[in-house]
Protein backbone atom coordinates (compact mmCIF):
# COMPACT_ATOMS: atom_id res chain seq x y z
CA MET A 1 13.13 2.35 -6.74
CA ARG A 2 15.46 0.72 -4.19
CA ALA A 3 16.24 -2.77 -5.84
CA PHE A 4 17.53 -5.88 -4.07
CA ILE A 5 18.79 -8.43 -6.57
CA ALA A 6 19.46 -12.34 -5.75
CA GLY A 7 21.31 -13.98 -8.56
CA ALA A 8 23.21 -10.89 -9.75
CA THR A 9 26.03 -12.83 -11.44
CA GLY A 10 23.70 -14.54 -13.91
CA GLN A 11 22.65 -13.54 -17.17
CA LEU A 12 19.36 -11.94 -16.10
CA GLY A 13 20.94 -10.50 -12.99
CA ARG A 14 23.67 -8.86 -14.55
CA GLU A 15 21.32 -7.05 -16.89
CA LEU A 16 19.07 -5.79 -14.09
CA VAL A 17 22.15 -4.45 -12.37
CA ARG A 18 23.14 -2.68 -15.50
CA LEU A 19 19.62 -1.21 -16.08
CA LEU A 20 19.09 -0.28 -12.66
CA GLY A 21 22.38 1.24 -11.92
CA GLU A 22 22.38 3.43 -8.75
CA ARG A 23 18.95 2.12 -7.82
CA VAL A 24 20.34 -1.13 -6.65
CA VAL A 25 20.98 -1.52 -2.93
CA PHE A 26 22.19 -4.91 -3.13
CA ALA A 27 23.13 -7.34 -5.93
CA GLY A 28 24.91 -10.66 -5.08
CA GLY A 29 25.29 -14.19 -6.20
CA SER A 30 25.38 -17.23 -4.26
CA ARG A 31 28.62 -16.30 -2.58
CA GLU A 32 27.05 -13.12 -1.10
CA LEU A 33 23.63 -14.40 -0.65
CA ASP A 34 22.55 -18.07 0.06
CA VAL A 35 18.91 -18.01 -0.67
CA ARG A 36 18.71 -21.41 1.15
CA ASP A 37 19.61 -19.57 4.28
CA GLY A 38 16.27 -18.01 5.40
CA ASP A 39 17.68 -16.25 8.20
CA ALA A 40 20.52 -14.61 6.13
CA VAL A 41 18.12 -13.61 3.49
CA ALA A 42 15.78 -11.80 5.93
CA ARG A 43 18.62 -10.12 7.74
CA ILE A 44 20.21 -8.81 4.60
CA ILE A 45 17.03 -7.64 3.19
CA ARG A 46 16.00 -5.95 6.42
CA GLY A 47 19.37 -4.17 6.34
CA THR A 48 19.24 -2.78 2.95
CA ARG A 49 15.46 -1.82 2.91
CA PRO A 50 14.63 -2.46 -0.78
CA ASN A 51 11.04 -1.64 -1.86
CA VAL A 52 11.59 -4.26 -4.88
CA VAL A 53 13.24 -7.56 -4.59
CA PHE A 54 14.17 -9.64 -7.63
CA ASN A 55 14.81 -13.18 -7.60
CA ALA A 56 17.11 -14.12 -10.73
CA SER A 57 18.71 -17.08 -8.61
CA ALA A 58 18.27 -20.63 -9.70
CA PHE A 59 19.41 -24.24 -9.72
CA ASN A 60 19.45 -24.49 -13.47
CA ASP A 61 21.20 -27.55 -14.08
CA VAL A 62 18.29 -29.49 -15.45
CA ASP A 63 20.02 -33.00 -15.64
CA GLY A 64 21.93 -32.37 -12.29
CA ALA A 65 18.45 -31.79 -10.52
CA GLU A 66 17.55 -35.36 -11.29
CA THR A 67 20.56 -36.51 -9.23
CA SER A 68 20.38 -33.68 -6.69
CA PRO A 69 16.85 -32.99 -6.17
CA HIS A 70 17.01 -31.80 -2.56
CA GLU A 71 19.56 -28.98 -3.74
CA ALA A 72 17.46 -28.09 -6.54
CA PHE A 73 14.43 -27.88 -4.20
CA ALA A 74 16.41 -25.77 -1.74
CA VAL A 75 17.34 -23.20 -4.34
CA ASN A 76 14.33 -23.17 -6.62
CA SER A 77 11.39 -23.79 -3.91
CA CYS A 78 12.63 -22.68 -0.49
CA GLY A 79 14.84 -19.72 -2.01
CA PRO A 80 11.90 -17.89 -3.46
CA LEU A 81 9.81 -18.66 -0.32
CA HIS A 82 12.54 -17.10 1.83
CA LEU A 83 13.00 -13.97 -0.43
CA ALA A 84 9.15 -13.44 -0.62
CA ARG A 85 8.71 -13.77 3.04
CA ALA A 86 11.44 -11.40 3.70
CA ALA A 87 10.10 -9.04 1.10
CA ALA A 88 6.63 -9.09 2.79
CA GLU A 89 8.13 -8.29 6.17
CA ASN A 90 9.68 -5.27 4.67
CA GLY A 91 6.76 -4.11 2.54
CA ALA A 92 8.52 -4.72 -0.88
CA LEU A 93 7.11 -5.93 -4.15
CA PHE A 94 8.66 -9.55 -5.10
CA VAL A 95 9.60 -10.25 -8.68
CA HIS A 96 10.24 -13.98 -9.10
CA VAL A 97 11.35 -15.70 -12.51
CA SER A 98 10.16 -19.11 -13.45
CA THR A 99 10.31 -21.29 -16.68
CA ASP A 100 8.55 -22.96 -19.50
CA TYR A 101 9.54 -26.38 -18.04
CA VAL A 102 6.64 -26.16 -15.63
CA PHE A 103 4.87 -27.55 -18.67
CA ASP A 104 4.90 -31.07 -20.12
CA GLY A 105 5.23 -29.68 -23.80
CA ASN A 106 2.14 -31.73 -25.21
CA ALA A 107 0.15 -28.59 -26.22
CA ASP A 108 -0.04 -27.81 -29.83
CA SER A 109 -0.45 -24.15 -29.06
CA PRO A 110 1.33 -21.62 -26.97
CA TYR A 111 0.88 -22.08 -23.15
CA THR A 112 -1.36 -19.33 -21.42
CA GLU A 113 -1.09 -18.47 -17.81
CA ASP A 114 -4.12 -20.18 -17.14
CA ASP A 115 -2.94 -23.70 -18.37
CA THR A 116 -2.49 -26.28 -15.79
CA PRO A 117 1.09 -26.95 -15.26
CA HIS A 118 2.68 -30.46 -15.48
CA PRO A 119 6.48 -30.58 -15.15
CA ILE A 120 8.23 -33.87 -16.39
CA SER A 121 11.44 -33.10 -14.75
CA VAL A 122 12.67 -32.56 -11.02
CA TYR A 123 13.86 -29.08 -12.22
CA GLY A 124 10.39 -28.05 -13.49
CA ALA A 125 8.72 -29.49 -10.46
CA THR A 126 10.89 -27.36 -7.96
CA LYS A 127 10.43 -24.39 -10.11
CA LEU A 128 6.62 -24.87 -9.96
CA ALA A 129 6.94 -25.39 -6.30
CA GLY A 130 8.65 -22.07 -5.90
CA GLU A 131 5.82 -20.28 -7.86
CA GLN A 132 3.09 -21.93 -5.53
CA LEU A 133 5.13 -21.07 -2.32
CA VAL A 134 5.44 -17.59 -3.51
CA GLU A 135 1.80 -17.29 -4.14
CA GLN A 136 0.95 -18.49 -0.44
CA ILE A 137 2.94 -15.42 0.96
CA GLU A 138 0.65 -12.31 1.52
CA CYS A 139 3.03 -10.23 -0.59
CA PRO A 140 2.51 -7.99 -3.61
CA SER A 141 4.41 -10.26 -6.13
CA LEU A 142 5.06 -10.65 -9.97
CA ILE A 143 5.90 -14.21 -11.06
CA VAL A 144 7.48 -14.21 -14.68
CA ARG A 145 7.87 -17.51 -16.67
CA THR A 146 10.42 -17.36 -19.63
CA SER A 147 12.21 -19.73 -21.68
CA GLY A 148 15.60 -20.49 -23.45
CA LEU A 149 17.47 -17.65 -21.76
CA PHE A 150 20.61 -16.57 -23.28
CA GLY A 151 23.06 -13.52 -22.80
CA ALA A 152 26.27 -12.71 -21.19
CA GLY A 153 27.26 -14.39 -17.90
CA GLY A 154 25.78 -17.74 -18.58
CA SER A 155 25.82 -20.61 -16.18
CA ARG A 156 29.45 -21.38 -15.23
CA ILE A 157 28.24 -25.00 -14.63
CA LYS A 158 26.99 -25.18 -18.25
CA GLY A 159 29.99 -23.21 -19.68
CA GLY A 160 27.94 -20.28 -20.65
CA SER A 161 24.64 -19.77 -22.38
CA PHE A 162 23.58 -22.32 -25.12
CA VAL A 163 24.67 -19.78 -27.89
CA ASP A 164 28.07 -19.58 -26.16
CA ARG A 165 28.63 -23.17 -26.18
CA VAL A 166 27.46 -23.56 -29.53
CA LEU A 167 30.03 -20.97 -30.83
CA ALA A 168 32.79 -22.52 -28.65
CA LYS A 169 32.29 -26.02 -30.03
CA ALA A 170 31.98 -24.86 -33.56
CA ARG A 171 35.36 -23.30 -33.49
CA THR A 172 37.03 -26.50 -32.84
CA GLY A 173 35.91 -27.37 -36.24
CA LYS A 174 33.97 -30.65 -35.34
CA PRO A 175 30.44 -31.14 -36.23
CA LEU A 176 27.71 -30.31 -33.76
CA MET A 177 24.68 -32.62 -32.60
CA VAL A 178 21.74 -30.60 -31.52
CA VAL A 179 18.11 -31.86 -30.79
CA GLY A 180 15.56 -30.64 -33.03
CA ASP A 181 12.39 -31.83 -31.36
CA GLN A 182 12.20 -29.33 -28.70
CA VAL A 183 10.45 -26.09 -29.87
CA PHE A 184 10.54 -22.91 -27.63
CA SER A 185 10.94 -19.16 -27.65
CA PRO A 186 14.57 -18.10 -27.12
CA THR A 187 14.69 -15.15 -24.77
CA TYR A 188 17.61 -12.48 -24.50
CA ALA A 189 18.45 -11.40 -21.20
CA PRO A 190 18.50 -7.77 -21.75
CA ASP A 191 14.94 -8.03 -23.32
CA LEU A 192 13.52 -9.82 -20.34
CA ALA A 193 15.28 -7.50 -17.74
CA ALA A 194 13.58 -4.56 -19.63
CA ALA A 195 10.31 -6.46 -19.73
CA LEU A 196 10.41 -6.86 -15.88
CA LEU A 197 10.81 -3.12 -15.49
CA GLY A 198 8.04 -2.51 -17.75
CA LEU A 199 5.71 -4.79 -15.80
CA ILE A 200 6.59 -2.82 -12.54
CA GLN A 201 6.00 0.34 -14.19
CA LYS A 202 2.42 -0.80 -15.05
CA SER A 203 1.88 -1.91 -11.30
CA ALA A 204 1.38 -5.43 -12.72
CA ARG A 205 0.66 -8.14 -10.28
CA GLY A 206 0.38 -11.97 -10.56
CA LEU A 207 1.60 -14.39 -13.27
CA PHE A 208 2.79 -13.40 -16.68
CA HIS A 209 4.70 -15.25 -19.64
CA VAL A 210 7.27 -13.20 -21.24
CA SER A 211 9.83 -14.26 -24.11
CA ASN A 212 11.13 -12.96 -27.35
CA GLY A 213 9.01 -13.28 -30.35
CA GLY A 214 8.88 -16.22 -32.51
CA ALA A 215 9.59 -19.97 -32.08
CA ILE A 216 12.42 -22.36 -32.86
CA SER A 217 13.94 -25.58 -32.04
CA TRP A 218 17.49 -25.79 -30.42
CA HIS A 219 18.98 -27.09 -33.67
CA GLY A 220 17.28 -24.27 -35.42
CA LEU A 221 18.89 -21.80 -32.83
CA ALA A 222 22.15 -23.28 -33.24
CA VAL A 223 22.18 -22.95 -37.07
CA ALA A 224 21.04 -19.22 -36.89
CA ALA A 225 23.77 -18.65 -34.21
CA LEU A 226 26.45 -20.15 -36.69
CA GLU A 227 25.15 -18.42 -39.87
CA GLN A 228 25.16 -14.82 -38.14
CA ALA A 229 28.64 -15.49 -36.76
CA GLY A 230 29.98 -16.56 -40.09
CA LEU A 231 30.95 -20.16 -38.96
CA LYS A 232 30.55 -23.12 -41.46
CA VAL A 233 30.14 -25.89 -39.27
CA GLU A 234 27.81 -29.07 -39.83
CA VAL A 235 25.11 -29.23 -37.36
CA LYS A 236 23.36 -32.63 -37.22
CA GLN A 237 19.78 -32.81 -36.16
CA ILE A 238 19.07 -35.42 -33.37
CA ARG A 239 16.16 -36.47 -31.39
CA THR A 240 15.93 -35.83 -27.61
CA LEU A 241 15.94 -39.61 -27.06
CA ASP A 242 19.37 -39.81 -28.82
CA LEU A 243 20.69 -37.35 -26.50
CA GLY A 244 20.49 -39.59 -23.54
CA ALA A 245 19.90 -37.13 -20.93
CA ARG A 246 18.73 -37.81 -17.69
CA ALA A 247 15.86 -35.21 -17.53
CA ARG A 248 12.90 -35.14 -19.80
CA ARG A 249 12.26 -31.92 -21.76
CA PRO A 250 8.92 -30.45 -23.00
CA ALA A 251 8.74 -30.90 -26.81
CA HIS A 252 6.70 -27.59 -27.17
CA SER A 253 6.92 -25.03 -24.55
CA VAL A 254 6.23 -21.76 -26.43
CA LEU A 255 4.63 -19.30 -24.19
CA SER A 256 1.53 -17.12 -24.97
CA LYS A 257 2.42 -13.23 -24.31
CA GLU A 258 -1.05 -11.83 -24.64
CA ARG A 259 -1.47 -11.22 -20.92
CA PHE A 260 1.95 -9.36 -21.10
CA THR A 261 1.13 -7.21 -24.30
CA GLY A 262 -2.48 -6.67 -22.98
CA LEU A 263 -1.10 -4.31 -20.47
CA GLY A 264 -0.08 -1.94 -23.20
CA ILE A 265 3.51 -3.04 -23.29
CA ALA A 266 5.25 -3.61 -26.71
CA PRO A 267 5.97 -7.20 -27.47
CA LEU A 268 9.64 -8.13 -27.36
CA ARG A 269 11.34 -8.34 -30.55
CA SER A 270 11.91 -11.46 -32.40
CA TRP A 271 14.30 -13.97 -30.86
CA ARG A 272 16.20 -13.64 -34.44
CA ASP A 273 16.70 -9.79 -33.99
CA ALA A 274 17.74 -10.37 -30.41
CA LEU A 275 20.33 -13.14 -31.37
CA GLU A 276 21.83 -10.78 -33.95
CA GLU A 277 22.43 -8.10 -31.35
CA TYR A 278 23.95 -10.76 -29.13
CA MET A 279 26.50 -11.58 -31.86
CA VAL A 280 27.54 -7.93 -32.28
CA VAL A 281 28.19 -7.87 -28.18
CA LEU A 282 30.20 -11.01 -28.36
CA GLY A 283 31.99 -9.57 -31.42
CA ALA A 284 31.05 -12.88 -33.24
CA ARG A 285 29.50 -11.16 -36.44
CA PRO A 286 31.89 -10.90 -39.41
CA SER A 287 33.02 -7.65 -40.51
CA VAL A 288 31.79 -6.22 -43.88
CA GLU A 289 35.24 -6.88 -45.41
CA ALA A 290 35.15 -10.57 -44.50
């Protein structure tokens, strides 16, 4: 494999770089590769001659997308189009990562790949447009929707992944307020990266949902992270409406992974087990003597 990784400085991109090692022919963040610039994308992909192009880049400021829709569209919709088109021109497989936010969250069971998307935010709409534009390109492709990604190298704009932010706030000793009416499946970046490679090894094409096992609210995830880190801080449960966020979020966006496991790939471990590993990586788990 000759792998090209856009968005290589983010949580997922870093893990892809780590897993692929010497097979990476290009790995860059927004400074090295502006996915909004179709000519630049085409030139760099042509020069590096990959046979797999990964898109781990995204405008993932969900609230910011409401006030900067054109920028969100440029990155989340036009970016994948440029990458897919360049991949097609060079005979490469295109692997694009999308989100559970393409759904409205009104379902009472896990969303399948056959369910009709209905985004309720600008962010979700731009990510869905990205999927649709990729599907229009005559290029072998994988589109993988995931949810609640956490891991090392989280968004600089957000101040790290959700787990990182929870731990940082808890260490100030002040109570936390976290929404409890949004249920999803947290996904550990290293597990998602491995799953993408597993799909490639199975010669999979098309749309797949991938996340860690189980489901929880953001409040529940915060409580679990603090418990595993041995931090005793009050976490107040609030409603999404109380948060006053600009963008709407789906109330229930758990994804069905049956199509993924139907290929004979082992399901990802539970989000709780993945979180425990991440706590070890962060050095946040208390020692036996503590």
